[in-house]
Amino acid sequence: MRTRMCGVACVFSLLLVAGCGAGAADSGQIRVADVASGAAQKVYDDIQSLPRAQQRARAAELARQEGTLRVYTSLTDDVSNVVQKEFQRQFGVRISMFRANSETILQRVLQESQARKPAADAVESDFLEMTELGEQHVLADYTGPGLARVAPSSRFEGWTADRFNVFLPAWNTNLIKPADAPRHWEDLADPEYKGRLTLEPTDSDWYENVTHYWLTHGRTHRQVDTTWRKIVDNAKVTKGHTTIMSLLGAGQTPLDSMNYTYITQQARAKGAPVAYRLPDGTNPIPAFPRPNGVGMLRGARHPAAAWLFYDWMLDEGQKVLVAQHLTPSTKVPGDTSLKGLNLVPFDTKTLAASSGSWDKRYDEQLRGVLGDHE
């Protein structure tokens, strides 16, 4: 996430400078609301003016006329390939998917929008980046039937959560026995894990949520900072959740301080000796489900296909995600991804308002320069 916020800041500077000669708003926001949006908005209005029961059929009809769809996504290749295949099979609309990390997607969408050359029709990506796109008015409003399928807490400005990345430790079951598996986040500070723990350098959203949880459950700032220093002292740092899971499954590392449960489950399904649940199927550690979601671009060149993809991701697409071991944002029969977990709310409010400061604090924590709070 440190890379993300550094990149975002650089892009913002570039876009704000470019916008000065184009009548940028006094608020300093990037003026992208009017980017090629007129024609697309007419299509969105055409679809959403119908009764909800008729909207899907109208969108599918228009999407087939458009013939194609361009999606930017941070889904991993294996998942995005299945999503692409299933959507195309159902509607006969060809998808061109650009897959990258969430930071790259954010930068690319903002740059293209500011240049008035939007290439994406829809975006499916992570919480912080989707939040930024919504705040910059790059995304169009969706009011279709999919909204009724998700909880109000999963609806955001310009986008809707279609999946959750759940934060929990993961361990190699050959190297960490059930009795030695962590039961609390603070267990990661235990000397028994010295040299056996792996941290991921961009996990400042996890760092913020654990910190927030501790502070709201009776710990002082000084106690929290001390615990984090002990965790860092126990760990080595490796970039990439998929990479650290590969190392874990191969037995090269015993314990991931945090990994997304779907990555752990995917590895387990392929035969890796990894787990995030105890043998009884539970995990007592507070699990933070981070919302990730889908949005459609104001300036989409294929707006009907974008609307159709948005609606599909909140309906049939949910079953596709479950089949790939992801956690859906709606109730899907047969989904057990959250069973036995101690779920607590993800702190969306703090991260949306001050993610950059948490990037900095986490970076300082990893480098050992963060001092105690007074």
Protein backbone atom coordinates (compact mmCIF):
# COMPACT_ATOMS: atom_id res chain seq x y z
CA MET A 1 0.00 0.00 0.00
CA ARG A 2 2.94 2.35 0.42
CA THR A 3 3.57 2.00 -3.30
CA ARG A 4 -0.09 2.65 -3.90
CA MET A 5 -0.27 5.91 -2.02
CA CYS A 6 3.02 7.21 -3.39
CA GLY A 7 1.79 6.50 -6.89
CA VAL A 8 -1.57 8.09 -6.21
CA ALA A 9 0.04 11.23 -4.86
CA CYS A 10 2.21 11.54 -7.96
CA VAL A 11 -0.76 11.07 -10.26
CA PHE A 12 -2.81 13.60 -8.31
CA SER A 13 -0.05 16.17 -8.68
CA LEU A 14 0.14 15.52 -12.40
CA LEU A 15 -3.61 15.71 -12.88
CA LEU A 16 -4.09 18.81 -10.78
CA VAL A 17 -1.42 20.63 -12.76
CA ALA A 18 -2.99 19.49 -16.01
CA GLY A 19 -6.40 20.58 -14.76
CA CYS A 20 -5.40 24.14 -13.94
CA GLY A 21 -5.76 25.19 -17.54
CA ALA A 22 -9.05 23.35 -17.91
CA GLY A 23 -11.11 25.13 -15.30
CA ALA A 24 -10.44 22.86 -12.36
CA ALA A 25 -12.82 23.32 -9.47
CA ASP A 26 -11.79 25.55 -6.57
CA SER A 27 -12.01 22.51 -4.30
CA GLY A 28 -8.98 21.04 -6.02
CA GLN A 29 -10.82 17.91 -7.07
CA ILE A 30 -10.04 16.40 -10.43
CA ARG A 31 -12.78 17.43 -12.79
CA VAL A 32 -13.64 14.22 -14.57
CA ALA A 33 -17.40 14.14 -14.10
CA ASP A 34 -18.02 15.43 -17.60
CA VAL A 35 -15.50 13.20 -19.39
CA ALA A 36 -17.29 11.60 -22.35
CA SER A 37 -20.17 10.92 -19.99
CA GLY A 38 -23.14 12.32 -21.88
CA ALA A 39 -23.77 9.42 -24.24
CA ALA A 40 -22.99 6.82 -21.59
CA GLN A 41 -25.33 8.43 -19.08
CA LYS A 42 -28.18 8.31 -21.59
CA VAL A 43 -27.71 4.56 -21.85
CA TYR A 44 -27.56 4.15 -18.08
CA ASP A 45 -30.72 6.24 -17.75
CA ASP A 46 -32.44 4.23 -20.48
CA ILE A 47 -31.76 0.99 -18.62
CA GLN A 48 -32.47 2.24 -15.11
CA SER A 49 -35.69 4.07 -16.03
CA LEU A 50 -37.33 0.69 -16.61
CA PRO A 51 -38.85 -1.44 -13.86
CA ARG A 52 -36.04 -3.39 -12.20
CA ALA A 53 -37.36 -6.68 -13.48
CA GLN A 54 -36.86 -5.44 -17.06
CA GLN A 55 -33.48 -3.75 -16.70
CA ARG A 56 -31.29 -6.83 -17.19
CA ALA A 57 -32.98 -7.79 -20.48
CA ARG A 58 -32.62 -4.25 -21.84
CA ALA A 59 -28.97 -4.07 -20.82
CA ALA A 60 -28.22 -7.44 -22.41
CA GLU A 61 -29.90 -6.37 -25.65
CA LEU A 62 -27.90 -3.15 -25.86
CA ALA A 63 -24.68 -4.85 -24.75
CA ARG A 64 -24.93 -7.38 -27.58
CA GLN A 65 -25.23 -4.45 -29.98
CA GLU A 66 -22.11 -2.88 -28.46
CA GLY A 67 -20.37 -6.23 -28.83
CA THR A 68 -17.53 -5.80 -26.36
CA LEU A 69 -16.58 -4.74 -22.84
CA ARG A 70 -13.34 -3.40 -21.39
CA VAL A 71 -12.74 -4.16 -17.71
CA TYR A 72 -9.85 -3.10 -15.47
CA THR A 73 -9.47 -5.49 -12.54
CA SER A 74 -7.13 -6.39 -9.70
CA LEU A 75 -8.54 -9.93 -9.51
CA THR A 76 -5.80 -12.51 -9.85
CA ASP A 77 -5.33 -14.03 -13.30
CA ASP A 78 -6.91 -17.36 -12.41
CA VAL A 79 -10.07 -15.71 -11.07
CA SER A 80 -10.34 -13.03 -13.76
CA ASN A 81 -10.01 -15.67 -16.47
CA VAL A 82 -12.99 -17.58 -15.08
CA VAL A 83 -15.03 -14.38 -14.69
CA GLN A 84 -14.27 -13.44 -18.28
CA LYS A 85 -15.19 -16.88 -19.61
CA GLU A 86 -18.47 -17.13 -17.71
CA PHE A 87 -19.67 -13.63 -18.59
CA GLN A 88 -18.91 -14.15 -22.28
CA ARG A 89 -20.60 -17.55 -22.26
CA GLN A 90 -23.77 -16.17 -20.73
CA PHE A 91 -24.21 -13.02 -22.81
CA GLY A 92 -22.11 -13.43 -25.93
CA VAL A 93 -20.36 -10.14 -25.19
CA ARG A 94 -16.59 -10.27 -25.58
CA ILE A 95 -14.59 -9.00 -22.58
CA SER A 96 -11.15 -7.47 -22.84
CA MET A 97 -9.69 -7.54 -19.34
CA PHE A 98 -6.71 -5.49 -18.22
CA ARG A 99 -5.37 -7.05 -15.01
CA ALA A 100 -2.99 -5.16 -12.75
CA ASN A 101 -2.50 -4.26 -9.11
CA SER A 102 -5.01 -1.85 -7.67
CA GLU A 103 -2.60 1.08 -7.58
CA THR A 104 -1.87 0.77 -11.30
CA ILE A 105 -5.57 0.57 -12.11
CA LEU A 106 -6.32 3.72 -10.14
CA GLN A 107 -3.55 5.67 -11.84
CA ARG A 108 -4.53 4.49 -15.29
CA VAL A 109 -8.23 5.29 -14.90
CA LEU A 110 -7.53 8.78 -13.54
CA GLN A 111 -4.99 9.56 -16.24
CA GLU A 112 -7.28 8.37 -19.02
CA SER A 113 -10.23 10.24 -17.59
CA GLN A 114 -8.30 13.48 -17.24
CA ALA A 115 -7.08 13.10 -20.82
CA ARG A 116 -10.72 12.58 -21.86
CA LYS A 117 -9.78 9.24 -23.39
CA PRO A 118 -11.36 6.67 -21.06
CA ALA A 119 -10.55 3.14 -22.20
CA ALA A 120 -12.23 1.19 -19.42
CA ASP A 121 -15.97 0.59 -19.26
CA ALA A 122 -16.00 -1.01 -15.82
CA VAL A 123 -13.60 -1.43 -12.90
CA GLU A 124 -13.36 -4.20 -10.31
CA SER A 125 -10.74 -3.47 -7.66
CA ASP A 126 -9.81 -2.87 -4.04
CA PHE A 127 -11.44 -0.70 -1.39
CA LEU A 128 -9.12 2.30 -1.30
CA GLU A 129 -8.84 2.64 -5.07
CA MET A 130 -12.59 2.23 -5.63
CA THR A 131 -13.23 4.79 -2.91
CA GLU A 132 -10.92 7.27 -4.63
CA LEU A 133 -12.56 6.71 -8.01
CA GLY A 134 -15.95 7.32 -6.42
CA GLU A 135 -14.81 10.51 -4.71
CA GLN A 136 -13.34 11.80 -7.97
CA HIS A 137 -16.70 11.26 -9.72
CA VAL A 138 -15.22 8.90 -12.29
CA LEU A 139 -17.90 6.27 -11.61
CA ALA A 140 -21.54 6.39 -12.68
CA ASP A 141 -24.42 5.61 -10.35
CA TYR A 142 -25.88 2.11 -10.52
CA THR A 143 -29.42 1.74 -9.16
CA GLY A 144 -30.22 -1.72 -10.52
CA PRO A 145 -31.58 -4.83 -8.81
CA GLY A 146 -28.15 -5.89 -7.60
CA LEU A 147 -28.26 -3.31 -4.80
CA ALA A 148 -31.03 -5.25 -3.08
CA ARG A 149 -28.73 -8.26 -2.81
CA VAL A 150 -26.03 -6.55 -0.72
CA ALA A 151 -26.11 -5.05 2.75
CA PRO A 152 -26.30 -1.23 3.02
CA SER A 153 -22.78 -1.28 4.48
CA SER A 154 -21.53 -2.71 1.17
CA ARG A 155 -22.81 0.23 -0.89
CA PHE A 156 -20.43 3.11 -1.49
CA GLU A 157 -20.30 6.26 -3.55
CA GLY A 158 -20.17 5.09 -7.17
CA TRP A 159 -19.45 1.43 -6.42
CA THR A 160 -20.70 -1.66 -4.61
CA ALA A 161 -18.78 -4.39 -2.80
CA ASP A 162 -18.86 -7.67 -4.71
CA ARG A 163 -16.30 -9.53 -2.58
CA PHE A 164 -14.33 -9.34 0.65
CA ASN A 165 -10.67 -9.97 1.37
CA VAL A 166 -10.62 -11.39 4.88
CA PHE A 167 -7.51 -10.70 6.99
CA LEU A 168 -6.22 -13.60 9.12
CA PRO A 169 -2.90 -15.30 9.87
CA ALA A 170 -2.03 -18.42 7.89
CA TRP A 171 0.36 -21.20 8.87
CA ASN A 172 2.03 -24.30 7.50
CA THR A 173 0.35 -27.22 9.26
CA ASN A 174 3.52 -29.31 9.10
CA LEU A 175 5.52 -26.63 10.91
CA ILE A 176 2.91 -25.08 13.22
CA LYS A 177 0.86 -27.56 15.21
CA PRO A 178 -2.73 -26.67 16.25
CA ALA A 179 -1.68 -26.02 19.85
CA ASP A 180 0.93 -23.52 18.65
CA ALA A 181 -1.25 -21.63 16.15
CA PRO A 182 -2.03 -18.01 17.11
CA ARG A 183 -5.35 -17.36 18.89
CA HIS A 184 -4.99 -13.58 19.13
CA TRP A 185 -3.27 -10.94 16.97
CA GLU A 186 -0.98 -10.10 19.88
CA ASP A 187 0.22 -13.72 19.91
CA LEU A 188 2.33 -12.77 16.88
CA ALA A 189 4.54 -10.86 19.31
CA ASP A 190 5.33 -14.03 21.29
CA PRO A 191 9.03 -14.97 21.32
CA GLU A 192 8.10 -18.48 20.13
CA TYR A 193 7.57 -16.98 16.66
CA LYS A 194 10.99 -15.32 16.53
CA GLY A 195 12.33 -15.73 12.98
CA ARG A 196 9.28 -17.77 11.94
CA LEU A 197 6.93 -14.94 10.94
CA THR A 198 6.46 -13.22 7.56
CA LEU A 199 5.12 -9.69 7.09
CA GLU A 200 3.93 -8.16 3.79
CA PRO A 201 5.22 -4.58 3.28
CA THR A 202 2.01 -3.07 1.85
CA ASP A 203 -0.39 -4.31 4.54
CA SER A 204 -0.99 -0.94 6.18
CA ASP A 205 -4.77 -1.48 6.00
CA TRP A 206 -4.31 -4.59 8.14
CA TYR A 207 -1.98 -2.64 10.44
CA GLU A 208 -4.59 0.11 10.84
CA ASN A 209 -7.44 -2.30 11.54
CA VAL A 210 -5.54 -4.30 14.16
CA THR A 211 -4.35 -1.06 15.77
CA HIS A 212 -7.89 0.34 15.77
CA TYR A 213 -9.21 -2.89 17.29
CA TRP A 214 -6.66 -2.88 20.09
CA LEU A 215 -7.22 0.79 20.90
CA THR A 216 -10.99 0.32 21.07
CA HIS A 217 -10.61 -2.75 23.28
CA GLY A 218 -8.70 -1.27 26.19
CA ARG A 219 -5.09 -0.95 25.04
CA THR A 220 -3.09 2.26 25.18
CA HIS A 221 -1.09 3.70 22.28
CA ARG A 222 2.11 2.81 24.11
CA GLN A 223 1.03 -0.81 24.58
CA VAL A 224 0.02 -1.05 20.92
CA ASP A 225 3.33 0.34 19.66
CA THR A 226 5.27 -2.02 21.93
CA THR A 227 3.32 -5.01 20.63
CA TRP A 228 3.92 -4.01 17.02
CA ARG A 229 7.65 -3.64 17.62
CA LYS A 230 7.77 -7.16 19.02
CA ILE A 231 5.86 -8.49 16.01
CA VAL A 232 8.25 -6.77 13.62
CA ASP A 233 11.23 -8.11 15.58
CA ASN A 234 9.87 -11.62 15.08
CA ALA A 235 9.43 -11.24 11.35
CA LYS A 236 11.03 -10.96 7.96
CA VAL A 237 9.37 -8.98 5.16
CA THR A 238 8.37 -10.45 1.80
CA LYS A 239 6.50 -8.66 -0.99
CA GLY A 240 3.27 -10.11 -2.38
CA HIS A 241 0.55 -12.17 -0.73
CA THR A 242 0.69 -14.85 -3.41
CA THR A 243 4.46 -15.08 -3.04
CA ILE A 244 4.41 -15.42 0.72
CA MET A 245 1.70 -18.08 0.42
CA SER A 246 3.88 -20.01 -2.03
CA LEU A 247 6.73 -19.89 0.47
CA LEU A 248 4.40 -20.97 3.25
CA GLY A 249 3.02 -23.90 1.28
CA ALA A 250 6.53 -25.02 0.34
CA GLY A 251 7.56 -25.07 3.99
CA GLN A 252 10.13 -22.32 3.54
CA THR A 253 8.29 -20.17 6.10
CA PRO A 254 6.09 -21.36 9.01
CA LEU A 255 3.64 -18.47 9.54
CA ASP A 256 2.19 -15.54 7.59
CA SER A 257 1.27 -12.72 9.97
CA MET A 258 -1.65 -11.96 7.66
CA ASN A 259 -2.84 -13.29 4.35
CA TYR A 260 -6.16 -13.15 2.57
CA THR A 261 -8.17 -16.22 3.49
CA TYR A 262 -9.10 -16.90 -0.13
CA ILE A 263 -5.41 -17.18 -1.07
CA THR A 264 -4.88 -19.62 1.80
CA GLN A 265 -7.94 -21.61 0.78
CA GLN A 266 -6.89 -21.71 -2.88
CA ALA A 267 -3.48 -23.07 -1.87
CA ARG A 268 -5.07 -25.59 0.46
CA ALA A 269 -7.43 -26.77 -2.31
CA LYS A 270 -4.34 -27.47 -4.44
CA GLY A 271 -2.86 -29.66 -1.71
CA ALA A 272 -0.62 -27.22 0.17
CA PRO A 273 -0.35 -27.95 3.94
CA VAL A 274 -1.69 -24.52 4.97
CA ALA A 275 -4.56 -23.33 7.13
CA TYR A 276 -6.18 -20.28 8.68
CA ARG A 277 -8.67 -22.30 10.71
CA LEU A 278 -8.02 -24.67 13.59
CA PRO A 279 -8.93 -28.37 13.16
CA ASP A 280 -12.41 -27.71 14.58
CA GLY A 281 -13.05 -25.24 11.72
CA THR A 282 -12.86 -22.09 13.83
CA ASN A 283 -10.50 -19.17 14.23
CA PRO A 284 -10.93 -16.95 17.31
CA ILE A 285 -8.78 -14.08 16.01
CA PRO A 286 -10.81 -11.00 14.98
CA ALA A 287 -11.14 -11.28 11.19
CA PHE A 288 -11.39 -8.06 9.18
CA PRO A 289 -13.34 -8.38 5.90
CA ARG A 290 -12.13 -5.65 3.52
CA PRO A 291 -14.70 -4.74 0.86
CA ASN A 292 -13.60 -4.74 -2.78
CA GLY A 293 -16.02 -3.92 -5.51
CA VAL A 294 -17.31 -3.10 -8.94
CA GLY A 295 -18.13 0.19 -10.65
CA MET A 296 -18.98 1.45 -14.13
CA LEU A 297 -17.30 4.43 -15.76
CA ARG A 298 -19.11 7.67 -16.51
CA GLY A 299 -17.34 7.86 -19.85
CA ALA A 300 -17.74 4.19 -20.78
CA ARG A 301 -17.61 3.49 -24.50
CA HIS A 302 -19.77 0.42 -23.93
CA PRO A 303 -22.09 1.55 -21.13
CA ALA A 304 -24.74 -1.13 -21.53
CA ALA A 305 -22.08 -3.83 -21.24
CA ALA A 306 -20.60 -2.01 -18.23
CA TRP A 307 -24.02 -1.91 -16.53
CA LEU A 308 -24.59 -5.58 -17.38
CA PHE A 309 -21.22 -6.57 -15.91
CA TYR A 310 -21.92 -4.59 -12.71
CA ASP A 311 -25.32 -6.26 -12.31
CA TRP A 312 -23.91 -9.71 -13.13
CA MET A 313 -21.09 -9.42 -10.61
CA LEU A 314 -23.74 -8.90 -7.91
CA ASP A 315 -25.76 -11.90 -9.11
CA GLU A 316 -24.38 -14.84 -11.11
CA GLY A 317 -20.85 -13.54 -10.68
CA GLN A 318 -21.13 -14.17 -6.95
CA LYS A 319 -21.33 -17.91 -7.57
CA VAL A 320 -18.30 -17.68 -9.84
CA LEU A 321 -16.32 -15.99 -7.06
CA VAL A 322 -17.37 -18.61 -4.51
CA ALA A 323 -16.25 -21.39 -6.87
CA GLN A 324 -12.80 -19.74 -6.83
CA HIS A 325 -12.81 -19.70 -2.98
CA LEU A 326 -13.41 -15.93 -2.72
CA THR A 327 -15.78 -14.42 -0.17
CA PRO A 328 -18.88 -12.94 -1.85
CA SER A 329 -20.72 -9.82 -0.71
CA THR A 330 -24.10 -11.55 -0.98
CA LYS A 331 -25.52 -14.75 0.43
CA VAL A 332 -24.60 -17.61 -1.87
CA PRO A 333 -25.79 -21.15 -1.15
CA GLY A 334 -22.88 -23.39 -0.28
CA ASP A 335 -20.50 -20.56 0.63
CA THR A 336 -18.60 -21.43 3.81
CA SER A 337 -15.79 -18.86 3.54
CA LEU A 338 -16.85 -17.06 6.73
CA LYS A 339 -17.95 -20.10 8.72
CA GLY A 340 -16.32 -20.31 12.14
CA LEU A 341 -14.64 -16.91 11.90
CA ASN A 342 -14.77 -14.15 14.50
CA LEU A 343 -15.81 -11.32 12.18
CA VAL A 344 -15.44 -7.68 13.20
CA PRO A 345 -16.23 -4.65 11.02
CA PHE A 346 -13.53 -3.40 8.68
CA ASP A 347 -12.63 0.20 9.57
CA THR A 348 -13.59 1.78 6.25
CA LYS A 349 -14.12 5.26 7.70
CA THR A 350 -10.61 5.81 9.07
CA LEU A 351 -8.86 4.32 6.05
CA ALA A 352 -10.88 6.31 3.55
CA ALA A 353 -10.04 9.53 5.40
CA SER A 354 -6.38 8.97 6.27
CA SER A 355 -4.90 6.00 4.47
CA GLY A 356 -1.69 7.86 3.61
CA SER A 357 -0.78 8.43 7.24
CA TRP A 358 -1.19 4.73 7.98
CA ASP A 359 1.02 3.85 5.03
CA LYS A 360 3.70 6.06 6.58
CA ARG A 361 3.27 4.64 10.08
CA TYR A 362 3.42 1.06 8.87
CA ASP A 363 6.52 1.81 6.83
CA GLU A 364 8.15 3.40 9.87
CA GLN A 365 7.14 0.45 12.00
CA LEU A 366 8.79 -1.99 9.59
CA ARG A 367 11.94 0.12 9.52
CA GLY A 368 11.99 0.31 13.32
CA VAL A 369 11.83 4.07 13.59
CA LEU A 370 8.36 4.49 15.10
CA GLY A 371 8.55 5.90 18.61
CA ASP A 372 6.09 5.49 21.46
CA HIS A 373 3.04 7.73 21.74
CA GLU A 374 3.13 10.08 24.65
